[in-house]
């Protein structure tokens, strides 16, 4: 793992949330599950993309709007390829995005589940005072403690993580994090070098 570059962690629920909606075939509200497949439609110079959900009872489909009436030139080329190839990572990312559910006026079926982290390398150099920087994407708004997440993902003991927090080595947005701090979407976690903290204490 290259520690000189920032890491991007996408937090994905082990079980993606389903949508509760009225099924026209079942004639009642049913659970619609993420199929993991996209529908892409090019109409002239404009592009629409949907994520397909299917009724768990009769397999009727419902399309959740991802991109609407967009110029293809404004869409990331790799992401566009992912839509066409039904990328599992894209289906998981968009299928756990609460803002997208709200935009589509979709009723989410809450599921208590575990999670896993998809790490993507970036080309952003870390701050010279840091030994590790992690940008967090938590689109599903899972309620996670930063110390528990870091211990599991970095394979570091909880006692060692606690020492980092107690020593003020873990910060976010220039603020020192407390052990019980919650993880939020867009959060940048920086783990500072111990010698930097020692020098700061000497300068006080």
N, C-alpha and C. Protein backbone atom coordinates (compact mmCIF):
# COMPACT_ATOMS: atom_id res chain seq x y z
N UNK A 1 0.85 -1.20 0.00
CA UNK A 1 0.00 0.00 0.00
C UNK A 1 0.89 1.24 0.00
N UNK A 2 0.73 2.11 -0.97
CA UNK A 2 1.51 3.34 -1.06
C UNK A 2 0.98 4.36 -0.07
N UNK A 3 1.75 4.61 0.99
CA UNK A 3 1.28 5.52 2.04
C UNK A 3 1.54 6.98 1.69
N UNK A 4 2.17 7.23 0.53
CA UNK A 4 2.42 8.62 0.14
C UNK A 4 1.24 9.23 -0.60
N UNK A 5 0.23 8.40 -0.94
CA UNK A 5 -0.94 8.88 -1.65
C UNK A 5 -2.19 8.67 -0.80
N UNK A 6 -3.13 9.60 -0.93
CA UNK A 6 -4.39 9.50 -0.19
C UNK A 6 -5.19 8.29 -0.66
N UNK A 7 -5.89 7.66 0.28
CA UNK A 7 -6.75 6.53 -0.04
C UNK A 7 -8.21 6.99 -0.07
N UNK A 8 -9.01 6.35 -0.92
CA UNK A 8 -10.45 6.61 -0.96
C UNK A 8 -11.16 5.34 -0.54
N UNK A 9 -11.93 5.42 0.54
CA UNK A 9 -12.66 4.26 1.04
C UNK A 9 -14.15 4.44 0.78
N UNK A 10 -14.73 3.54 -0.01
CA UNK A 10 -16.17 3.53 -0.23
C UNK A 10 -16.78 2.48 0.70
N UNK A 11 -17.65 2.92 1.61
CA UNK A 11 -18.27 2.01 2.56
C UNK A 11 -19.56 1.47 1.95
N UNK A 12 -19.61 0.16 1.78
CA UNK A 12 -20.74 -0.48 1.11
C UNK A 12 -21.41 -1.46 2.08
N UNK A 13 -22.71 -1.32 2.30
CA UNK A 13 -23.42 -2.30 3.15
C UNK A 13 -23.33 -3.69 2.53
N UNK A 14 -23.19 -4.73 3.38
CA UNK A 14 -23.14 -6.10 2.88
C UNK A 14 -24.45 -6.48 2.20
N UNK A 15 -25.54 -5.89 2.66
CA UNK A 15 -26.84 -6.11 2.03
C UNK A 15 -27.41 -4.74 1.65
N UNK A 16 -27.57 -4.51 0.36
CA UNK A 16 -28.03 -3.21 -0.11
C UNK A 16 -29.50 -3.00 0.23
N UNK A 17 -29.89 -1.77 0.53
CA UNK A 17 -31.29 -1.51 0.88
C UNK A 17 -32.24 -1.76 -0.29
N UNK A 18 -33.40 -2.29 0.05
CA UNK A 18 -34.46 -2.48 -0.95
C UNK A 18 -35.40 -1.28 -0.92
N UNK A 19 -36.28 -1.22 -1.91
CA UNK A 19 -37.27 -0.14 -2.01
C UNK A 19 -38.66 -0.75 -1.81
N UNK A 20 -39.48 -0.08 -1.02
CA UNK A 20 -40.86 -0.50 -0.84
C UNK A 20 -41.75 0.38 -1.72
N UNK A 21 -42.48 -0.23 -2.63
CA UNK A 21 -43.37 0.53 -3.51
C UNK A 21 -44.52 -0.38 -3.97
N UNK A 22 -45.54 0.25 -4.49
CA UNK A 22 -46.70 -0.51 -4.96
C UNK A 22 -46.35 -1.18 -6.29
N UNK A 23 -46.52 -2.48 -6.33
CA UNK A 23 -46.25 -3.23 -7.55
C UNK A 23 -47.53 -3.29 -8.39
N UNK A 24 -47.48 -2.84 -9.64
CA UNK A 24 -48.69 -2.84 -10.48
C UNK A 24 -49.22 -4.24 -10.77
N UNK A 25 -48.37 -5.24 -10.69
CA UNK A 25 -48.80 -6.61 -10.97
C UNK A 25 -49.34 -7.29 -9.71
N UNK A 26 -48.65 -7.07 -8.57
CA UNK A 26 -49.09 -7.67 -7.31
C UNK A 26 -50.27 -6.92 -6.68
N UNK A 27 -50.48 -5.67 -7.11
CA UNK A 27 -51.58 -4.82 -6.61
C UNK A 27 -51.42 -4.47 -5.14
N UNK A 28 -50.19 -4.45 -4.65
CA UNK A 28 -49.93 -4.08 -3.26
C UNK A 28 -48.47 -3.65 -3.14
N UNK A 29 -48.13 -3.07 -1.97
CA UNK A 29 -46.75 -2.68 -1.74
C UNK A 29 -45.90 -3.92 -1.53
N UNK A 30 -44.78 -3.97 -2.25
CA UNK A 30 -43.86 -5.10 -2.12
C UNK A 30 -42.43 -4.59 -2.04
N UNK A 31 -41.52 -5.51 -1.81
CA UNK A 31 -40.10 -5.18 -1.74
C UNK A 31 -39.48 -5.29 -3.12
N UNK A 32 -38.85 -4.20 -3.57
CA UNK A 32 -38.13 -4.20 -4.84
C UNK A 32 -36.63 -4.22 -4.53
N UNK A 33 -35.94 -5.22 -5.09
CA UNK A 33 -34.53 -5.42 -4.78
C UNK A 33 -33.64 -4.95 -5.92
N UNK A 34 -32.45 -4.47 -5.53
CA UNK A 34 -31.45 -4.01 -6.48
C UNK A 34 -31.00 -5.20 -7.34
N UNK A 35 -31.18 -5.08 -8.67
CA UNK A 35 -30.81 -6.17 -9.57
C UNK A 35 -29.33 -6.17 -9.92
N UNK A 36 -28.66 -5.04 -9.64
CA UNK A 36 -27.26 -4.92 -10.01
C UNK A 36 -27.06 -4.58 -11.48
N UNK A 37 -28.15 -4.24 -12.17
CA UNK A 37 -28.06 -3.95 -13.61
C UNK A 37 -28.57 -2.53 -13.90
N UNK A 38 -27.95 -1.92 -14.90
CA UNK A 38 -28.32 -0.58 -15.33
C UNK A 38 -29.02 -0.63 -16.68
N UNK A 39 -29.85 0.37 -16.92
CA UNK A 39 -30.44 0.59 -18.25
C UNK A 39 -29.93 1.92 -18.75
N UNK A 40 -29.32 1.91 -19.93
CA UNK A 40 -28.75 3.12 -20.52
C UNK A 40 -29.50 3.42 -21.81
N UNK A 41 -29.96 4.65 -21.95
CA UNK A 41 -30.73 5.02 -23.14
C UNK A 41 -30.20 6.34 -23.69
N UNK A 42 -29.80 6.32 -24.94
CA UNK A 42 -29.33 7.52 -25.62
C UNK A 42 -30.44 8.03 -26.53
N UNK A 43 -30.89 9.24 -26.26
CA UNK A 43 -31.96 9.85 -27.06
C UNK A 43 -31.40 11.11 -27.71
N UNK A 44 -30.95 10.93 -28.95
CA UNK A 44 -30.28 12.06 -29.62
C UNK A 44 -28.94 12.30 -28.96
N UNK A 45 -28.74 13.52 -28.50
CA UNK A 45 -27.48 13.85 -27.84
C UNK A 45 -27.58 13.79 -26.32
N UNK A 46 -28.70 13.33 -25.83
CA UNK A 46 -28.90 13.27 -24.38
C UNK A 46 -28.92 11.82 -23.91
N UNK A 47 -28.52 11.64 -22.65
CA UNK A 47 -28.37 10.30 -22.11
C UNK A 47 -29.14 10.14 -20.80
N UNK A 48 -29.80 9.00 -20.65
CA UNK A 48 -30.48 8.64 -19.41
C UNK A 48 -29.91 7.32 -18.90
N UNK A 49 -29.77 7.24 -17.57
CA UNK A 49 -29.28 6.00 -16.96
C UNK A 49 -30.17 5.68 -15.76
N UNK A 50 -30.61 4.42 -15.67
CA UNK A 50 -31.41 3.97 -14.53
C UNK A 50 -30.76 2.74 -13.89
N UNK A 51 -31.00 2.58 -12.61
CA UNK A 51 -30.63 1.35 -11.90
C UNK A 51 -31.91 0.53 -11.74
N UNK A 52 -31.87 -0.71 -12.18
CA UNK A 52 -33.09 -1.53 -12.23
C UNK A 52 -33.32 -2.27 -10.92
N UNK A 53 -34.54 -2.12 -10.39
CA UNK A 53 -34.99 -2.87 -9.21
C UNK A 53 -36.10 -3.83 -9.66
N UNK A 54 -36.20 -4.97 -8.97
CA UNK A 54 -37.22 -5.96 -9.34
C UNK A 54 -38.03 -6.39 -8.12
N UNK A 55 -39.34 -6.55 -8.34
CA UNK A 55 -40.24 -7.00 -7.29
C UNK A 55 -39.81 -8.40 -6.83
N UNK A 56 -39.71 -8.57 -5.52
CA UNK A 56 -39.27 -9.86 -4.98
C UNK A 56 -40.33 -10.94 -5.15
N UNK A 57 -41.58 -10.55 -5.49
CA UNK A 57 -42.66 -11.53 -5.65
C UNK A 57 -42.87 -11.94 -7.11
N UNK A 58 -42.87 -10.96 -8.01
CA UNK A 58 -43.24 -11.28 -9.41
C UNK A 58 -42.20 -10.87 -10.44
N UNK A 59 -41.11 -10.24 -10.00
CA UNK A 59 -40.01 -9.83 -10.89
C UNK A 59 -40.34 -8.61 -11.76
N UNK A 60 -41.46 -7.93 -11.47
CA UNK A 60 -41.74 -6.67 -12.18
C UNK A 60 -40.61 -5.68 -11.91
N UNK A 61 -40.22 -4.92 -12.92
CA UNK A 61 -39.09 -4.00 -12.76
C UNK A 61 -39.54 -2.57 -12.45
N UNK A 62 -38.69 -1.87 -11.74
CA UNK A 62 -38.82 -0.43 -11.51
C UNK A 62 -37.45 0.18 -11.71
N UNK A 63 -37.38 1.27 -12.48
CA UNK A 63 -36.11 1.90 -12.80
C UNK A 63 -35.90 3.16 -11.95
N UNK A 64 -34.82 3.16 -11.17
CA UNK A 64 -34.49 4.34 -10.38
C UNK A 64 -33.55 5.23 -11.19
N UNK A 65 -33.93 6.48 -11.35
CA UNK A 65 -33.16 7.40 -12.18
C UNK A 65 -31.80 7.71 -11.55
N UNK A 66 -30.75 7.50 -12.33
CA UNK A 66 -29.38 7.84 -11.91
C UNK A 66 -28.93 9.12 -12.60
N UNK A 67 -29.08 9.13 -13.91
CA UNK A 67 -28.72 10.30 -14.73
C UNK A 67 -29.87 10.58 -15.67
N UNK A 68 -30.24 11.86 -15.77
CA UNK A 68 -31.40 12.22 -16.58
C UNK A 68 -31.07 13.34 -17.55
N UNK A 69 -31.29 13.06 -18.84
CA UNK A 69 -31.15 14.07 -19.90
C UNK A 69 -29.80 14.78 -19.82
N UNK A 70 -28.73 13.99 -19.78
CA UNK A 70 -27.39 14.55 -19.63
C UNK A 70 -26.62 14.46 -20.93
N UNK A 71 -25.72 15.41 -21.11
CA UNK A 71 -24.82 15.37 -22.26
C UNK A 71 -23.76 14.29 -22.00
N UNK A 72 -23.63 13.29 -22.89
CA UNK A 72 -22.65 12.21 -22.67
C UNK A 72 -21.23 12.71 -22.43
N UNK A 73 -20.90 13.87 -23.00
CA UNK A 73 -19.55 14.42 -22.83
C UNK A 73 -19.28 14.83 -21.39
N UNK A 74 -20.35 15.03 -20.61
CA UNK A 74 -20.19 15.46 -19.22
C UNK A 74 -20.14 14.28 -18.24
N UNK A 75 -20.21 13.06 -18.77
CA UNK A 75 -20.19 11.87 -17.93
C UNK A 75 -18.80 11.25 -17.96
N UNK A 76 -18.29 10.89 -16.80
CA UNK A 76 -16.98 10.25 -16.71
C UNK A 76 -16.95 9.00 -17.59
N UNK A 77 -15.91 8.88 -18.42
CA UNK A 77 -15.86 7.79 -19.39
C UNK A 77 -15.79 6.43 -18.72
N UNK A 78 -15.03 6.32 -17.62
CA UNK A 78 -14.92 5.03 -16.93
C UNK A 78 -16.25 4.65 -16.28
N UNK A 79 -16.94 5.67 -15.74
CA UNK A 79 -18.24 5.39 -15.13
C UNK A 79 -19.24 4.96 -16.21
N UNK A 80 -19.19 5.59 -17.36
CA UNK A 80 -20.08 5.22 -18.46
C UNK A 80 -19.85 3.77 -18.87
N UNK A 81 -18.58 3.37 -18.93
CA UNK A 81 -18.27 1.97 -19.24
C UNK A 81 -18.83 1.05 -18.16
N UNK A 82 -18.79 1.53 -16.92
CA UNK A 82 -19.32 0.75 -15.81
C UNK A 82 -20.82 0.55 -15.92
N UNK A 83 -21.53 1.58 -16.37
CA UNK A 83 -22.98 1.45 -16.59
C UNK A 83 -23.26 0.39 -17.65
N UNK A 84 -22.50 0.43 -18.74
CA UNK A 84 -22.73 -0.49 -19.85
C UNK A 84 -22.39 -1.94 -19.46
N UNK A 85 -21.40 -2.11 -18.57
CA UNK A 85 -20.97 -3.46 -18.18
C UNK A 85 -21.61 -3.93 -16.88
N UNK A 86 -22.56 -3.13 -16.35
CA UNK A 86 -23.24 -3.47 -15.09
C UNK A 86 -22.23 -3.69 -13.96
N UNK A 87 -21.38 -2.70 -13.76
CA UNK A 87 -20.36 -2.77 -12.71
C UNK A 87 -20.98 -3.00 -11.34
N UNK A 88 -20.60 -4.07 -10.63
CA UNK A 88 -21.13 -4.32 -9.28
C UNK A 88 -20.81 -3.18 -8.31
N UNK A 89 -19.62 -2.57 -8.48
CA UNK A 89 -19.24 -1.46 -7.59
C UNK A 89 -20.15 -0.25 -7.78
N UNK A 90 -20.48 0.06 -9.06
CA UNK A 90 -21.38 1.19 -9.32
C UNK A 90 -22.79 0.89 -8.82
N UNK A 91 -23.25 -0.34 -9.04
CA UNK A 91 -24.59 -0.71 -8.58
C UNK A 91 -24.68 -0.64 -7.07
N UNK A 92 -23.60 -1.00 -6.37
CA UNK A 92 -23.58 -0.93 -4.91
C UNK A 92 -23.51 0.51 -4.44
N UNK A 93 -22.69 1.32 -5.12
CA UNK A 93 -22.53 2.71 -4.73
C UNK A 93 -23.83 3.49 -4.91
N UNK A 94 -24.42 3.42 -6.11
CA UNK A 94 -25.67 4.14 -6.36
C UNK A 94 -26.84 3.51 -5.60
N UNK A 95 -26.77 2.20 -5.38
CA UNK A 95 -27.84 1.51 -4.68
C UNK A 95 -27.81 1.67 -3.18
N UNK A 96 -26.86 2.46 -2.67
CA UNK A 96 -26.80 2.74 -1.24
C UNK A 96 -26.77 4.24 -0.96
N UNK A 97 -27.05 5.02 -2.00
CA UNK A 97 -26.99 6.48 -1.90
C UNK A 97 -28.35 7.04 -1.46
N UNK A 98 -28.44 7.46 -0.21
CA UNK A 98 -29.71 7.92 0.35
C UNK A 98 -30.24 9.16 -0.36
N UNK A 99 -29.35 10.06 -0.77
CA UNK A 99 -29.79 11.26 -1.48
C UNK A 99 -30.48 10.89 -2.80
N UNK A 100 -29.99 9.84 -3.43
CA UNK A 100 -30.59 9.39 -4.68
C UNK A 100 -31.98 8.80 -4.44
N UNK A 101 -32.13 8.05 -3.35
CA UNK A 101 -33.45 7.51 -3.00
C UNK A 101 -34.44 8.65 -2.76
N UNK A 102 -33.99 9.68 -2.04
CA UNK A 102 -34.86 10.82 -1.74
C UNK A 102 -35.26 11.53 -3.03
N UNK A 103 -34.29 11.72 -3.92
CA UNK A 103 -34.56 12.38 -5.20
C UNK A 103 -35.60 11.62 -6.01
N UNK A 104 -35.57 10.29 -5.92
CA UNK A 104 -36.52 9.45 -6.65
C UNK A 104 -37.80 9.18 -5.85
N UNK A 105 -37.92 9.82 -4.67
CA UNK A 105 -39.08 9.65 -3.81
C UNK A 105 -39.34 8.17 -3.52
N UNK A 106 -38.24 7.45 -3.26
CA UNK A 106 -38.32 6.01 -3.01
C UNK A 106 -38.31 5.74 -1.51
N UNK A 107 -39.20 4.87 -1.07
CA UNK A 107 -39.27 4.48 0.34
C UNK A 107 -38.27 3.35 0.58
N UNK A 108 -37.30 3.60 1.46
CA UNK A 108 -36.24 2.63 1.70
C UNK A 108 -36.68 1.62 2.76
N UNK A 109 -36.39 0.36 2.51
CA UNK A 109 -36.60 -0.69 3.50
C UNK A 109 -35.31 -0.81 4.31
N UNK A 110 -35.36 -0.39 5.57
CA UNK A 110 -34.16 -0.38 6.41
C UNK A 110 -33.73 -1.80 6.74
N UNK A 111 -32.42 -2.04 6.60
CA UNK A 111 -31.86 -3.35 6.90
C UNK A 111 -30.63 -3.16 7.78
N UNK A 112 -30.61 -3.87 8.91
CA UNK A 112 -29.43 -3.83 9.75
C UNK A 112 -28.43 -4.85 9.20
N UNK A 113 -27.27 -4.36 8.83
CA UNK A 113 -26.34 -5.23 8.13
C UNK A 113 -24.90 -4.81 8.43
N UNK A 114 -23.97 -5.68 8.08
CA UNK A 114 -22.57 -5.34 8.17
C UNK A 114 -22.16 -4.52 6.95
N UNK A 115 -20.89 -4.33 6.78
CA UNK A 115 -20.41 -3.53 5.66
C UNK A 115 -19.02 -4.01 5.25
N UNK A 116 -18.61 -3.59 4.08
CA UNK A 116 -17.24 -3.82 3.65
C UNK A 116 -16.73 -2.54 2.99
N UNK A 117 -15.44 -2.44 2.85
CA UNK A 117 -14.82 -1.22 2.34
C UNK A 117 -14.14 -1.52 1.01
N UNK A 118 -14.48 -0.73 0.02
CA UNK A 118 -13.83 -0.81 -1.28
C UNK A 118 -12.80 0.32 -1.35
N UNK A 119 -11.53 -0.06 -1.38
CA UNK A 119 -10.45 0.94 -1.41
C UNK A 119 -10.04 1.23 -2.84
N UNK A 120 -9.97 2.52 -3.16
CA UNK A 120 -9.55 2.96 -4.48
C UNK A 120 -8.35 3.89 -4.33
N UNK A 121 -7.29 3.64 -5.06
CA UNK A 121 -6.13 4.54 -4.97
C UNK A 121 -6.44 5.89 -5.61
N UNK A 122 -5.81 6.93 -5.11
CA UNK A 122 -5.94 8.26 -5.70
C UNK A 122 -4.56 8.75 -6.11
N UNK A 123 -4.52 9.89 -6.75
CA UNK A 123 -3.23 10.47 -7.15
C UNK A 123 -2.92 11.70 -6.28
N UNK A 124 -3.69 11.87 -5.19
CA UNK A 124 -3.49 13.02 -4.31
C UNK A 124 -2.42 12.72 -3.27
N UNK A 125 -1.33 13.49 -3.24
CA UNK A 125 -0.29 13.26 -2.23
C UNK A 125 -0.82 13.61 -0.84
N UNK A 126 -0.35 12.90 0.17
CA UNK A 126 -0.76 13.20 1.53
C UNK A 126 0.05 14.37 2.08
N UNK A 127 -0.48 15.01 3.11
CA UNK A 127 0.22 16.09 3.81
C UNK A 127 1.51 15.55 4.40
N UNK A 128 2.57 16.32 4.36
CA UNK A 128 3.87 15.85 4.85
C UNK A 128 3.86 15.53 6.34
N UNK A 129 2.85 16.07 7.06
CA UNK A 129 2.78 15.79 8.50
C UNK A 129 1.98 14.52 8.79
N UNK A 130 1.41 13.90 7.75
CA UNK A 130 0.58 12.72 7.94
C UNK A 130 1.32 11.46 7.52
N UNK A 131 0.98 10.36 8.14
CA UNK A 131 1.50 9.07 7.69
C UNK A 131 0.43 8.32 6.89
N UNK A 132 -0.82 8.78 7.02
CA UNK A 132 -1.91 8.15 6.29
C UNK A 132 -3.08 9.13 6.18
N UNK A 133 -3.71 9.20 5.00
CA UNK A 133 -4.89 10.02 4.79
C UNK A 133 -5.95 9.18 4.07
N UNK A 134 -7.18 9.26 4.57
CA UNK A 134 -8.26 8.44 4.02
C UNK A 134 -9.48 9.31 3.78
N UNK A 135 -9.92 9.40 2.53
CA UNK A 135 -11.16 10.09 2.19
C UNK A 135 -12.29 9.08 2.26
N UNK A 136 -13.35 9.41 3.01
CA UNK A 136 -14.45 8.48 3.24
C UNK A 136 -15.64 8.81 2.35
N UNK A 137 -16.19 7.79 1.68
CA UNK A 137 -17.47 7.91 1.00
C UNK A 137 -18.43 6.97 1.71
N UNK A 138 -19.45 7.56 2.32
CA UNK A 138 -20.43 6.78 3.08
C UNK A 138 -21.83 7.16 2.60
N UNK A 139 -22.15 6.89 1.32
CA UNK A 139 -23.42 7.37 0.75
C UNK A 139 -24.66 6.77 1.41
N UNK A 140 -24.52 5.59 2.03
CA UNK A 140 -25.67 4.97 2.67
C UNK A 140 -25.89 5.48 4.08
N UNK A 141 -24.99 6.37 4.54
CA UNK A 141 -25.10 6.98 5.88
C UNK A 141 -25.13 5.93 6.99
N UNK A 142 -24.33 4.87 6.83
CA UNK A 142 -24.23 3.89 7.90
C UNK A 142 -23.64 4.54 9.15
N UNK A 143 -24.17 4.19 10.30
CA UNK A 143 -23.70 4.77 11.56
C UNK A 143 -22.51 3.97 12.07
N UNK A 144 -21.31 4.50 11.80
CA UNK A 144 -20.08 3.80 12.15
C UNK A 144 -19.20 4.67 13.02
N UNK A 145 -18.54 4.06 14.00
CA UNK A 145 -17.55 4.76 14.80
C UNK A 145 -16.22 4.73 14.06
N UNK A 146 -15.54 5.88 14.06
CA UNK A 146 -14.28 5.99 13.34
C UNK A 146 -13.22 5.03 13.89
N UNK A 147 -13.16 4.89 15.22
CA UNK A 147 -12.12 4.03 15.81
C UNK A 147 -12.36 2.57 15.46
N UNK A 148 -13.62 2.12 15.50
CA UNK A 148 -13.94 0.73 15.17
C UNK A 148 -13.66 0.45 13.70
N UNK A 149 -14.04 1.39 12.83
CA UNK A 149 -13.82 1.22 11.40
C UNK A 149 -12.33 1.13 11.09
N UNK A 150 -11.53 2.04 11.65
CA UNK A 150 -10.10 2.05 11.39
C UNK A 150 -9.42 0.79 11.90
N UNK A 151 -9.81 0.33 13.08
CA UNK A 151 -9.21 -0.87 13.64
C UNK A 151 -9.45 -2.07 12.73
N UNK A 152 -10.67 -2.20 12.22
CA UNK A 152 -10.99 -3.33 11.36
C UNK A 152 -10.33 -3.23 10.00
N UNK A 153 -10.39 -2.05 9.39
CA UNK A 153 -9.89 -1.89 8.03
C UNK A 153 -8.36 -1.92 7.96
N UNK A 154 -7.70 -1.37 8.99
CA UNK A 154 -6.24 -1.32 9.01
C UNK A 154 -5.62 -2.52 9.70
N UNK A 155 -6.50 -3.39 10.24
CA UNK A 155 -6.05 -4.58 10.96
C UNK A 155 -5.09 -4.21 12.10
N UNK A 156 -5.52 -3.22 12.86
CA UNK A 156 -4.79 -2.74 14.03
C UNK A 156 -5.65 -3.02 15.26
N UNK A 157 -5.02 -3.38 16.38
CA UNK A 157 -5.79 -3.70 17.58
C UNK A 157 -6.55 -2.48 18.08
N UNK A 158 -7.67 -2.73 18.74
CA UNK A 158 -8.48 -1.63 19.30
C UNK A 158 -7.67 -0.84 20.32
N UNK A 159 -6.81 -1.51 21.06
CA UNK A 159 -6.00 -0.81 22.06
C UNK A 159 -5.01 0.14 21.40
N UNK A 160 -4.44 -0.28 20.27
CA UNK A 160 -3.51 0.58 19.55
C UNK A 160 -4.23 1.78 18.95
N UNK A 161 -5.42 1.53 18.38
CA UNK A 161 -6.22 2.63 17.83
C UNK A 161 -6.56 3.63 18.92
N UNK A 162 -6.91 3.13 20.11
CA UNK A 162 -7.24 4.02 21.23
C UNK A 162 -6.04 4.90 21.59
N UNK A 163 -4.85 4.33 21.54
CA UNK A 163 -3.64 5.12 21.83
C UNK A 163 -3.48 6.24 20.80
N UNK A 164 -3.77 5.94 19.54
CA UNK A 164 -3.67 6.98 18.50
C UNK A 164 -4.64 8.12 18.79
N UNK A 165 -5.88 7.75 19.14
CA UNK A 165 -6.88 8.78 19.43
C UNK A 165 -6.49 9.57 20.68
N UNK A 166 -6.08 8.87 21.73
CA UNK A 166 -5.72 9.54 22.98
C UNK A 166 -4.52 10.47 22.80
N UNK A 167 -3.64 10.13 21.87
CA UNK A 167 -2.46 10.95 21.61
C UNK A 167 -2.74 12.09 20.65
N UNK A 168 -3.98 12.18 20.13
CA UNK A 168 -4.33 13.25 19.20
C UNK A 168 -3.78 13.05 17.81
N UNK A 169 -3.47 11.79 17.44
CA UNK A 169 -2.89 11.51 16.13
C UNK A 169 -3.94 11.46 15.01
N UNK A 170 -5.21 11.28 15.38
CA UNK A 170 -6.27 11.13 14.38
C UNK A 170 -7.09 12.42 14.31
N UNK A 171 -7.10 13.05 13.14
CA UNK A 171 -7.82 14.32 12.99
C UNK A 171 -8.71 14.27 11.75
N UNK A 172 -9.67 15.18 11.71
CA UNK A 172 -10.55 15.34 10.55
C UNK A 172 -10.95 16.81 10.50
N UNK A 173 -10.67 17.46 9.37
CA UNK A 173 -11.01 18.87 9.25
C UNK A 173 -10.32 19.75 10.27
N UNK A 174 -9.07 19.45 10.56
CA UNK A 174 -8.26 20.20 11.54
C UNK A 174 -8.70 19.99 12.98
N UNK A 175 -9.69 19.13 13.20
CA UNK A 175 -10.15 18.85 14.55
C UNK A 175 -9.69 17.47 14.99
N UNK A 176 -9.20 17.39 16.22
CA UNK A 176 -8.80 16.10 16.76
C UNK A 176 -10.05 15.25 17.02
N UNK A 177 -10.03 14.02 16.53
CA UNK A 177 -11.19 13.15 16.69
C UNK A 177 -11.19 12.46 18.04
N UNK A 178 -12.38 12.32 18.61
CA UNK A 178 -12.56 11.53 19.81
C UNK A 178 -12.86 10.09 19.39
N UNK A 179 -12.56 9.11 20.26
CA UNK A 179 -12.76 7.70 19.88
C UNK A 179 -14.17 7.36 19.39
N UNK A 180 -15.19 8.00 19.94
CA UNK A 180 -16.56 7.68 19.57
C UNK A 180 -17.09 8.46 18.39
N UNK A 181 -16.23 9.22 17.72
CA UNK A 181 -16.68 10.06 16.60
C UNK A 181 -17.28 9.21 15.48
N UNK A 182 -18.36 9.72 14.89
CA UNK A 182 -19.04 9.01 13.81
C UNK A 182 -18.42 9.34 12.45
N UNK A 183 -18.47 8.37 11.56
CA UNK A 183 -17.99 8.55 10.20
C UNK A 183 -19.10 9.16 9.36
N UNK A 184 -18.76 10.15 8.52
CA UNK A 184 -19.77 10.74 7.65
C UNK A 184 -19.25 10.82 6.22
N UNK A 185 -20.16 10.95 5.29
CA UNK A 185 -19.82 10.99 3.87
C UNK A 185 -18.96 12.21 3.56
N UNK A 186 -17.84 12.01 2.90
CA UNK A 186 -16.95 13.11 2.55
C UNK A 186 -15.87 13.38 3.57
N UNK A 187 -15.88 12.68 4.67
CA UNK A 187 -14.93 12.89 5.77
C UNK A 187 -13.49 12.58 5.30
N UNK A 188 -12.55 13.42 5.68
CA UNK A 188 -11.14 13.17 5.42
C UNK A 188 -10.45 12.91 6.75
N UNK A 189 -10.02 11.68 6.92
CA UNK A 189 -9.32 11.29 8.15
C UNK A 189 -7.83 11.34 7.90
N UNK A 190 -7.12 12.03 8.78
CA UNK A 190 -5.66 12.11 8.69
C UNK A 190 -5.06 11.53 9.97
N UNK A 191 -4.12 10.62 9.79
CA UNK A 191 -3.40 10.07 10.93
C UNK A 191 -2.00 10.68 10.91
N UNK A 192 -1.73 11.50 11.89
CA UNK A 192 -0.49 12.27 11.90
C UNK A 192 0.69 11.43 12.38
N UNK A 193 1.87 11.87 11.99
CA UNK A 193 3.10 11.22 12.45
C UNK A 193 3.31 11.55 13.93
N UNK A 194 3.76 10.58 14.68
CA UNK A 194 3.94 10.78 16.12
C UNK A 194 4.96 11.87 16.41
N UNK A 195 5.99 11.98 15.56
CA UNK A 195 7.01 13.01 15.81
C UNK A 195 6.44 14.42 15.62
N UNK A 196 5.43 14.56 14.76
CA UNK A 196 4.77 15.86 14.57
C UNK A 196 4.05 16.27 15.83
N UNK A 197 3.34 15.33 16.45
CA UNK A 197 2.64 15.62 17.70
C UNK A 197 3.64 15.99 18.80
N UNK A 198 4.74 15.27 18.88
CA UNK A 198 5.75 15.57 19.91
C UNK A 198 6.30 16.97 19.73
N UNK A 199 6.53 17.36 18.46
CA UNK A 199 7.06 18.71 18.20
C UNK A 199 6.03 19.78 18.55
N UNK A 200 4.75 19.50 18.28
CA UNK A 200 3.70 20.45 18.63
C UNK A 200 3.64 20.66 20.12
N UNK A 201 3.83 19.59 20.88
CA UNK A 201 3.80 19.70 22.35
C UNK A 201 4.99 20.51 22.85
N UNK A 202 6.14 20.38 22.19
CA UNK A 202 7.32 21.13 22.59
C UNK A 202 7.17 22.61 22.29
N UNK A 203 6.39 22.93 21.22
CA UNK A 203 6.21 24.32 20.81
C UNK A 203 5.21 25.06 21.66
N UNK A 204 4.40 24.33 22.48
CA UNK A 204 3.38 24.97 23.30
C UNK A 204 4.03 25.82 24.41
